[in-house]
Amino acid sequence: MTEQANDGGSEKLPKDTPIIPAAAENIFEKALRAKNERAMMPTSRVVKTPSRIKPTTKIKGWFRCHPTVLIGPIDVFYPKDEDGLGDEPIFVYPDLATELRLKNTAFENAIREMVCYLVATKGGALYLFLATVPDPTTGRHHPAIEQKIDAVEAARTQWKRLEWSKTDRQFEEFTALGEIAEPVWPEDVSDVAILTRAFGERNVIKRDDDPLLIKFRGEA
């Protein structure tokens, strides 16, 4: 006969009763507790960083405009025909932009007020189209800019394309009549999210001693 010890002394058990080793007791309870503890631990996951939205004053190919996004006006450092300064629009802090315009008349044209439209191309690229605000004296846009704005506004509901006519010296506007898939827009289209993706930290002027401003003033 097989015997198993307990607090009451020796007790005879049936011959076929299995003996559970002490080390194996509560093994399932321990396993479930460990699983629950792992479930409560913080986990990490890989998330793809959103691609950049390129700021631009030009539009090429077929495009659509987001149905609701309109940002601005914002201040953008975008001097014309300045060698060595690059041709990419740079965001300028509003207070700094006002200070620079008051301090130096050259900044009146170099730092422009612009409104922003979120634009998608047929190929899926995203752009932040920048259009200057109307002239404060006349209240009107340059005709070419006005054409662009009209086309972008119309592109909120249909695919558009602009091509420059050298003969007429204006844009020719085209509308797609066939079926083209709707653009895939970002989930977050708040002003902050769009401007962050467009300018990030690199293309932002925060201080008067920014290297671009120093170079523009000829102090480098």
C-alpha atoms as a PDB file:
ATOM      1  CA  MET A   1       0.000   0.000   0.000  1.00  0.00           C
ATOM      2  CA  THR A   2       1.090   3.572  -0.659  1.00  0.00           C
ATOM      3  CA  GLU A   3       1.317   5.962   2.277  1.00  0.00           C
ATOM      4  CA  GLN A   4       1.222   9.800   2.335  1.00  0.00           C
ATOM      5  CA  ALA A   5       2.078  11.874   5.392  1.00  0.00           C
ATOM      6  CA  ASN A   6      -0.230  14.554   6.764  1.00  0.00           C
ATOM      7  CA  ASP A   7      -0.754  16.418  10.016  1.00  0.00           C
ATOM      8  CA  GLY A   8      -2.809  13.547  11.394  1.00  0.00           C
ATOM      9  CA  GLY A   9      -0.057  11.035  10.919  1.00  0.00           C
ATOM     10  CA  SER A  10       0.135   8.233   8.408  1.00  0.00           C
ATOM     11  CA  GLU A  11      -2.914   7.395   6.335  1.00  0.00           C
ATOM     12  CA  LYS A  12      -3.285   4.458   4.052  1.00  0.00           C
ATOM     13  CA  LEU A  13      -4.503   5.354   0.541  1.00  0.00           C
ATOM     14  CA  PRO A  14      -5.821   3.151  -2.199  1.00  0.00           C
ATOM     15  CA  LYS A  15      -3.109   1.483  -4.191  1.00  0.00           C
ATOM     16  CA  ASP A  16      -3.831   3.359  -7.477  1.00  0.00           C
ATOM     17  CA  THR A  17      -4.020   6.889  -5.969  1.00  0.00           C
ATOM     18  CA  PRO A  18      -1.394   9.096  -7.724  1.00  0.00           C
ATOM     19  CA  ILE A  19       1.009  11.051  -5.602  1.00  0.00           C
ATOM     20  CA  ILE A  20       1.363  14.781  -6.612  1.00  0.00           C
ATOM     21  CA  PRO A  21       4.911  15.963  -6.054  1.00  0.00           C
ATOM     22  CA  ALA A  22       5.093  19.052  -3.838  1.00  0.00           C
ATOM     23  CA  ALA A  23       7.026  21.036  -6.510  1.00  0.00           C
ATOM     24  CA  ALA A  24       4.177  20.592  -9.004  1.00  0.00           C
ATOM     25  CA  GLU A  25       1.478  21.952  -6.730  1.00  0.00           C
ATOM     26  CA  ASN A  26      -0.196  25.205  -7.851  1.00  0.00           C
ATOM     27  CA  ILE A  27       1.738  25.216 -11.130  1.00  0.00           C
ATOM     28  CA  PHE A  28      -1.338  26.346 -13.106  1.00  0.00           C
ATOM     29  CA  GLU A  29      -2.128  29.038 -10.582  1.00  0.00           C
ATOM     30  CA  LYS A  30       1.439  30.330 -10.901  1.00  0.00           C
ATOM     31  CA  ALA A  31       1.254  30.248 -14.691  1.00  0.00           C
ATOM     32  CA  LEU A  32      -2.001  32.220 -14.768  1.00  0.00           C
ATOM     33  CA  ARG A  33      -0.655  34.756 -12.268  1.00  0.00           C
ATOM     34  CA  ALA A  34       2.474  35.272 -14.376  1.00  0.00           C
ATOM     35  CA  LYS A  35       0.349  35.768 -17.491  1.00  0.00           C
ATOM     36  CA  ASN A  36      -1.803  38.373 -15.740  1.00  0.00           C
ATOM     37  CA  GLU A  37       1.296  40.195 -14.489  1.00  0.00           C
ATOM     38  CA  ARG A  38       2.716  40.325 -18.024  1.00  0.00           C
ATOM     39  CA  ALA A  39      -0.589  41.677 -19.323  1.00  0.00           C
ATOM     40  CA  MET A  40      -0.403  44.557 -16.842  1.00  0.00           C
ATOM     41  CA  MET A  41       3.132  45.532 -17.847  1.00  0.00           C
ATOM     42  CA  PRO A  42       3.517  48.474 -20.287  1.00  0.00           C
ATOM     43  CA  THR A  43       4.085  47.381 -23.853  1.00  0.00           C
ATOM     44  CA  SER A  44       5.695  49.184 -26.770  1.00  0.00           C
ATOM     45  CA  ARG A  45       4.683  49.137 -30.405  1.00  0.00           C
ATOM     46  CA  VAL A  46       6.207  50.447 -33.587  1.00  0.00           C
ATOM     47  CA  VAL A  47       4.345  53.358 -35.153  1.00  0.00           C
ATOM     48  CA  LYS A  48       5.287  54.813 -38.514  1.00  0.00           C
ATOM     49  CA  THR A  49       6.184  58.498 -38.330  1.00  0.00           C
ATOM     50  CA  PRO A  50       3.889  60.556 -40.572  1.00  0.00           C
ATOM     51  CA  SER A  51       5.611  61.702 -43.747  1.00  0.00           C
ATOM     52  CA  ARG A  52       6.357  65.372 -44.179  1.00  0.00           C
ATOM     53  CA  ILE A  53       3.899  67.701 -45.879  1.00  0.00           C
ATOM     54  CA  LYS A  54       6.009  69.906 -48.126  1.00  0.00           C
ATOM     55  CA  PRO A  55       5.204  73.640 -48.087  1.00  0.00           C
ATOM     56  CA  THR A  56       5.153  75.153 -51.574  1.00  0.00           C
ATOM     57  CA  THR A  57       3.873  78.057 -53.645  1.00  0.00           C
ATOM     58  CA  LYS A  58       3.631  75.910 -56.774  1.00  0.00           C
ATOM     59  CA  ILE A  59       1.233  73.171 -57.794  1.00  0.00           C
ATOM     60  CA  LYS A  60       1.983  70.555 -60.438  1.00  0.00           C
ATOM     61  CA  GLY A  61      -0.146  67.807 -61.935  1.00  0.00           C
ATOM     62  CA  TRP A  62      -3.622  66.783 -60.838  1.00  0.00           C
ATOM     63  CA  PHE A  63      -4.525  67.851 -57.335  1.00  0.00           C
ATOM     64  CA  ARG A  64      -7.313  68.004 -54.772  1.00  0.00           C
ATOM     65  CA  CYS A  65      -7.727  70.344 -51.817  1.00  0.00           C
ATOM     66  CA  HIS A  66      -8.890  69.195 -48.392  1.00  0.00           C
ATOM     67  CA  PRO A  67     -12.582  70.122 -48.034  1.00  0.00           C
ATOM     68  CA  THR A  68     -12.198  72.078 -44.772  1.00  0.00           C
ATOM     69  CA  VAL A  69      -8.543  72.952 -44.091  1.00  0.00           C
ATOM     70  CA  LEU A  70      -7.597  76.631 -44.364  1.00  0.00           C
ATOM     71  CA  ILE A  71      -4.775  77.825 -42.116  1.00  0.00           C
ATOM     72  CA  GLY A  72      -3.497  81.310 -41.531  1.00  0.00           C
ATOM     73  CA  PRO A  73      -2.489  83.854 -42.315  1.00  0.00           C
ATOM     74  CA  ILE A  74       0.956  82.796 -41.085  1.00  0.00           C
ATOM     75  CA  ASP A  75       4.292  84.589 -41.471  1.00  0.00           C
ATOM     76  CA  VAL A  76       6.704  82.956 -43.905  1.00  0.00           C
ATOM     77  CA  PHE A  77      10.297  83.895 -44.705  1.00  0.00           C
ATOM     78  CA  TYR A  78      10.438  83.563 -48.483  1.00  0.00           C
ATOM     79  CA  PRO A  79      12.746  86.157 -50.083  1.00  0.00           C
ATOM     80  CA  LYS A  80      12.832  86.411 -53.868  1.00  0.00           C
ATOM     81  CA  ASP A  81      15.969  85.719 -55.871  1.00  0.00           C
ATOM     82  CA  GLU A  82      18.322  85.656 -52.893  1.00  0.00           C
ATOM     83  CA  ASP A  83      21.390  83.513 -53.615  1.00  0.00           C
ATOM     84  CA  GLY A  84      22.376  81.056 -50.916  1.00  0.00           C
ATOM     85  CA  LEU A  85      19.162  81.334 -48.904  1.00  0.00           C
ATOM     86  CA  GLY A  86      17.359  78.436 -50.543  1.00  0.00           C
ATOM     87  CA  ASP A  87      13.910  78.449 -52.043  1.00  0.00           C
ATOM     88  CA  GLU A  88      11.964  76.666 -49.296  1.00  0.00           C
ATOM     89  CA  PRO A  89       9.414  78.631 -47.243  1.00  0.00           C
ATOM     90  CA  ILE A  90      10.384  79.030 -43.567  1.00  0.00           C
ATOM     91  CA  PHE A  91       7.868  79.622 -40.765  1.00  0.00           C
ATOM     92  CA  VAL A  92       8.545  82.752 -38.663  1.00  0.00           C
ATOM     93  CA  TYR A  93       7.209  83.318 -35.143  1.00  0.00           C
ATOM     94  CA  PRO A  94       4.492  86.017 -35.394  1.00  0.00           C
ATOM     95  CA  ASP A  95       5.977  88.414 -32.810  1.00  0.00           C
ATOM     96  CA  LEU A  96       9.409  88.136 -34.396  1.00  0.00           C
ATOM     97  CA  ALA A  97       7.970  88.758 -37.868  1.00  0.00           C
ATOM     98  CA  THR A  98       6.345  91.995 -36.689  1.00  0.00           C
ATOM     99  CA  GLU A  99       9.552  93.091 -34.973  1.00  0.00           C
ATOM    100  CA  LEU A 100      11.660  92.428 -38.085  1.00  0.00           C
ATOM    101  CA  ARG A 101       9.307  94.322 -40.392  1.00  0.00           C
ATOM    102  CA  LEU A 102       9.418  97.363 -38.113  1.00  0.00           C
ATOM    103  CA  LYS A 103      13.176  97.181 -37.775  1.00  0.00           C
ATOM    104  CA  ASN A 104      14.168  96.657 -41.412  1.00  0.00           C
ATOM    105  CA  THR A 105      12.133  97.503 -44.534  1.00  0.00           C
ATOM    106  CA  ALA A 106      13.832  94.667 -46.444  1.00  0.00           C
ATOM    107  CA  PHE A 107      11.781  92.240 -44.368  1.00  0.00           C
ATOM    108  CA  GLU A 108       8.513  93.743 -45.576  1.00  0.00           C
ATOM    109  CA  ASN A 109       8.893  91.747 -48.812  1.00  0.00           C
ATOM    110  CA  ALA A 110      11.014  88.896 -47.441  1.00  0.00           C
ATOM    111  CA  ILE A 111       8.529  87.914 -44.738  1.00  0.00           C
ATOM    112  CA  ARG A 112       5.098  87.458 -46.241  1.00  0.00           C
ATOM    113  CA  GLU A 113       1.703  86.742 -44.804  1.00  0.00           C
ATOM    114  CA  MET A 114       0.294  83.591 -46.374  1.00  0.00           C
ATOM    115  CA  VAL A 115      -2.741  81.367 -46.081  1.00  0.00           C
ATOM    116  CA  CYS A 116      -2.311  77.607 -46.292  1.00  0.00           C
ATOM    117  CA  TYR A 117      -4.289  74.927 -48.128  1.00  0.00           C
ATOM    118  CA  LEU A 118      -3.729  71.181 -47.672  1.00  0.00           C
ATOM    119  CA  VAL A 119      -3.359  69.695 -51.146  1.00  0.00           C
ATOM    120  CA  ALA A 120      -3.025  66.085 -52.326  1.00  0.00           C
ATOM    121  CA  THR A 121      -1.693  65.032 -55.712  1.00  0.00           C
ATOM    122  CA  LYS A 122      -2.988  62.186 -57.834  1.00  0.00           C
ATOM    123  CA  GLY A 123       0.131  60.236 -56.863  1.00  0.00           C
ATOM    124  CA  GLY A 124      -0.655  60.548 -53.155  1.00  0.00           C
ATOM    125  CA  ALA A 125       1.847  63.245 -52.124  1.00  0.00           C
ATOM    126  CA  LEU A 126       0.710  65.917 -49.663  1.00  0.00           C
ATOM    127  CA  TYR A 127       1.611  69.598 -49.979  1.00  0.00           C
ATOM    128  CA  LEU A 128       0.857  72.738 -48.012  1.00  0.00           C
ATOM    129  CA  PHE A 129       0.046  75.248 -50.729  1.00  0.00           C
ATOM    130  CA  LEU A 130       0.930  78.792 -49.617  1.00  0.00           C
ATOM    131  CA  ALA A 131      -0.799  81.803 -51.138  1.00  0.00           C
ATOM    132  CA  THR A 132       0.031  85.384 -50.221  1.00  0.00           C
ATOM    133  CA  VAL A 133      -2.754  87.483 -48.755  1.00  0.00           C
ATOM    134  CA  PRO A 134      -4.204  90.331 -50.846  1.00  0.00           C
ATOM    135  CA  ASP A 135      -2.172  93.520 -51.237  1.00  0.00           C
ATOM    136  CA  PRO A 136      -3.008  95.749 -48.242  1.00  0.00           C
ATOM    137  CA  THR A 137      -3.252  98.817 -50.489  1.00  0.00           C
ATOM    138  CA  THR A 138      -5.403  97.460 -53.318  1.00  0.00           C
ATOM    139  CA  GLY A 139      -7.020  94.540 -51.522  1.00  0.00           C
ATOM    140  CA  ARG A 140      -6.322  92.350 -54.544  1.00  0.00           C
ATOM    141  CA  HIS A 141      -4.030  89.466 -55.473  1.00  0.00           C
ATOM    142  CA  HIS A 142      -1.641  89.225 -58.365  1.00  0.00           C
ATOM    143  CA  PRO A 143      -3.723  87.695 -61.214  1.00  0.00           C
ATOM    144  CA  ALA A 144      -1.643  84.501 -61.293  1.00  0.00           C
ATOM    145  CA  ILE A 145      -2.036  83.971 -57.542  1.00  0.00           C
ATOM    146  CA  GLU A 146      -5.757  84.666 -57.805  1.00  0.00           C
ATOM    147  CA  GLN A 147      -6.011  81.975 -60.494  1.00  0.00           C
ATOM    148  CA  LYS A 148      -4.235  79.490 -58.230  1.00  0.00           C
ATOM    149  CA  ILE A 149      -6.498  80.255 -55.286  1.00  0.00           C
ATOM    150  CA  ASP A 150      -9.637  79.908 -57.415  1.00  0.00           C
ATOM    151  CA  ALA A 151      -8.415  76.551 -58.734  1.00  0.00           C
ATOM    152  CA  VAL A 152      -7.500  75.303 -55.245  1.00  0.00           C
ATOM    153  CA  GLU A 153     -10.894  76.285 -53.867  1.00  0.00           C
ATOM    154  CA  ALA A 154     -12.608  74.482 -56.745  1.00  0.00           C
ATOM    155  CA  ALA A 155     -10.392  71.449 -56.069  1.00  0.00           C
ATOM    156  CA  ARG A 156     -12.156  70.864 -52.759  1.00  0.00           C
ATOM    157  CA  THR A 157     -14.754  68.863 -54.693  1.00  0.00           C
ATOM    158  CA  GLN A 158     -13.043  67.924 -57.981  1.00  0.00           C
ATOM    159  CA  TRP A 159      -9.643  67.131 -59.433  1.00  0.00           C
ATOM    160  CA  LYS A 160      -7.889  70.134 -60.991  1.00  0.00           C
ATOM    161  CA  ARG A 161      -4.723  70.883 -62.918  1.00  0.00           C
ATOM    162  CA  LEU A 162      -3.039  74.152 -63.840  1.00  0.00           C
ATOM    163  CA  GLU A 163      -0.691  74.687 -66.776  1.00  0.00           C
ATOM    164  CA  TRP A 164       1.035  77.955 -67.596  1.00  0.00           C
ATOM    165  CA  SER A 165       0.367  79.368 -71.048  1.00  0.00           C
ATOM    166  CA  LYS A 166       3.306  81.390 -72.339  1.00  0.00           C
ATOM    167  CA  THR A 167       1.123  82.801 -75.096  1.00  0.00           C
ATOM    168  CA  ASP A 168      -1.663  84.050 -72.856  1.00  0.00           C
ATOM    169  CA  ARG A 169       0.644  84.650 -69.864  1.00  0.00           C
ATOM    170  CA  GLN A 170      -1.821  83.043 -67.500  1.00  0.00           C
ATOM    171  CA  PHE A 171      -2.761  79.613 -66.226  1.00  0.00           C
ATOM    172  CA  GLU A 172      -5.022  77.270 -68.116  1.00  0.00           C
ATOM    173  CA  GLU A 173      -7.285  75.326 -65.755  1.00  0.00           C
ATOM    174  CA  PHE A 174      -8.363  71.740 -66.387  1.00  0.00           C
ATOM    175  CA  THR A 175     -10.953  69.574 -64.627  1.00  0.00           C
ATOM    176  CA  ALA A 176     -10.830  65.771 -64.560  1.00  0.00           C
ATOM    177  CA  LEU A 177     -14.078  64.298 -65.854  1.00  0.00           C
ATOM    178  CA  GLY A 178     -13.223  60.624 -65.304  1.00  0.00           C
ATOM    179  CA  GLU A 179     -13.187  58.718 -62.034  1.00  0.00           C
ATOM    180  CA  ILE A 180     -10.118  59.284 -59.865  1.00  0.00           C
ATOM    181  CA  ALA A 181      -9.865  57.795 -56.384  1.00  0.00           C
ATOM    182  CA  GLU A 182     -10.424  60.149 -53.473  1.00  0.00           C
ATOM    183  CA  PRO A 183      -7.230  61.306 -51.691  1.00  0.00           C
ATOM    184  CA  VAL A 184      -6.171  59.747 -48.407  1.00  0.00           C
ATOM    185  CA  TRP A 185      -6.066  62.629 -45.922  1.00  0.00           C
ATOM    186  CA  PRO A 186      -4.305  62.617 -42.522  1.00  0.00           C
ATOM    187  CA  GLU A 187      -6.468  61.737 -39.528  1.00  0.00           C
ATOM    188  CA  ASP A 188      -5.330  64.861 -37.667  1.00  0.00           C
ATOM    189  CA  VAL A 189      -5.827  67.965 -39.791  1.00  0.00           C
ATOM    190  CA  SER A 190      -5.666  70.511 -36.965  1.00  0.00           C
ATOM    191  CA  ASP A 191      -3.603  73.635 -37.627  1.00  0.00           C
ATOM    192  CA  VAL A 192      -0.892  72.530 -35.205  1.00  0.00           C
ATOM    193  CA  ALA A 193      -0.596  69.023 -36.685  1.00  0.00           C
ATOM    194  CA  ILE A 194      -0.406  70.253 -40.283  1.00  0.00           C
ATOM    195  CA  LEU A 195       2.082  73.062 -39.577  1.00  0.00           C
ATOM    196  CA  THR A 196       4.236  70.670 -37.539  1.00  0.00           C
ATOM    197  CA  ARG A 197       4.398  68.190 -40.406  1.00  0.00           C
ATOM    198  CA  ALA A 198       5.105  70.985 -42.882  1.00  0.00           C
ATOM    199  CA  PHE A 199       7.799  72.938 -41.023  1.00  0.00           C
ATOM    200  CA  GLY A 200       8.873  70.745 -38.095  1.00  0.00           C
ATOM    201  CA  GLU A 201      11.669  72.233 -35.992  1.00  0.00           C
ATOM    202  CA  ARG A 202      14.190  72.704 -38.793  1.00  0.00           C
ATOM    203  CA  ASN A 203      12.265  75.175 -40.945  1.00  0.00           C
ATOM    204  CA  VAL A 204      11.278  77.582 -38.183  1.00  0.00           C
ATOM    205  CA  ILE A 205      12.827  80.968 -37.347  1.00  0.00           C
ATOM    206  CA  LYS A 206      12.473  81.721 -33.636  1.00  0.00           C
ATOM    207  CA  ARG A 207      15.132  84.369 -32.935  1.00  0.00           C
ATOM    208  CA  ASP A 208      16.600  87.495 -34.467  1.00  0.00           C
ATOM    209  CA  ASP A 209      20.040  85.841 -34.573  1.00  0.00           C
ATOM    210  CA  ASP A 210      18.924  82.948 -36.761  1.00  0.00           C
ATOM    211  CA  PRO A 211      21.666  82.194 -39.341  1.00  0.00           C
ATOM    212  CA  LEU A 212      19.271  82.773 -42.251  1.00  0.00           C
ATOM    213  CA  LEU A 213      18.357  86.241 -40.991  1.00  0.00           C
ATOM    214  CA  ILE A 214      22.004  87.104 -40.374  1.00  0.00           C
ATOM    215  CA  LYS A 215      22.858  86.029 -43.912  1.00  0.00           C
ATOM    216  CA  PHE A 216      19.910  87.944 -45.353  1.00  0.00           C
ATOM    217  CA  ARG A 217      21.065  91.134 -43.617  1.00  0.00           C
ATOM    218  CA  GLY A 218      24.571  90.628 -44.968  1.00  0.00           C
ATOM    219  CA  GLU A 219      26.090  90.279 -41.509  1.00  0.00           C
ATOM    220  CA  ALA A 220      27.585  86.816 -42.007  1.00  0.00           C
END
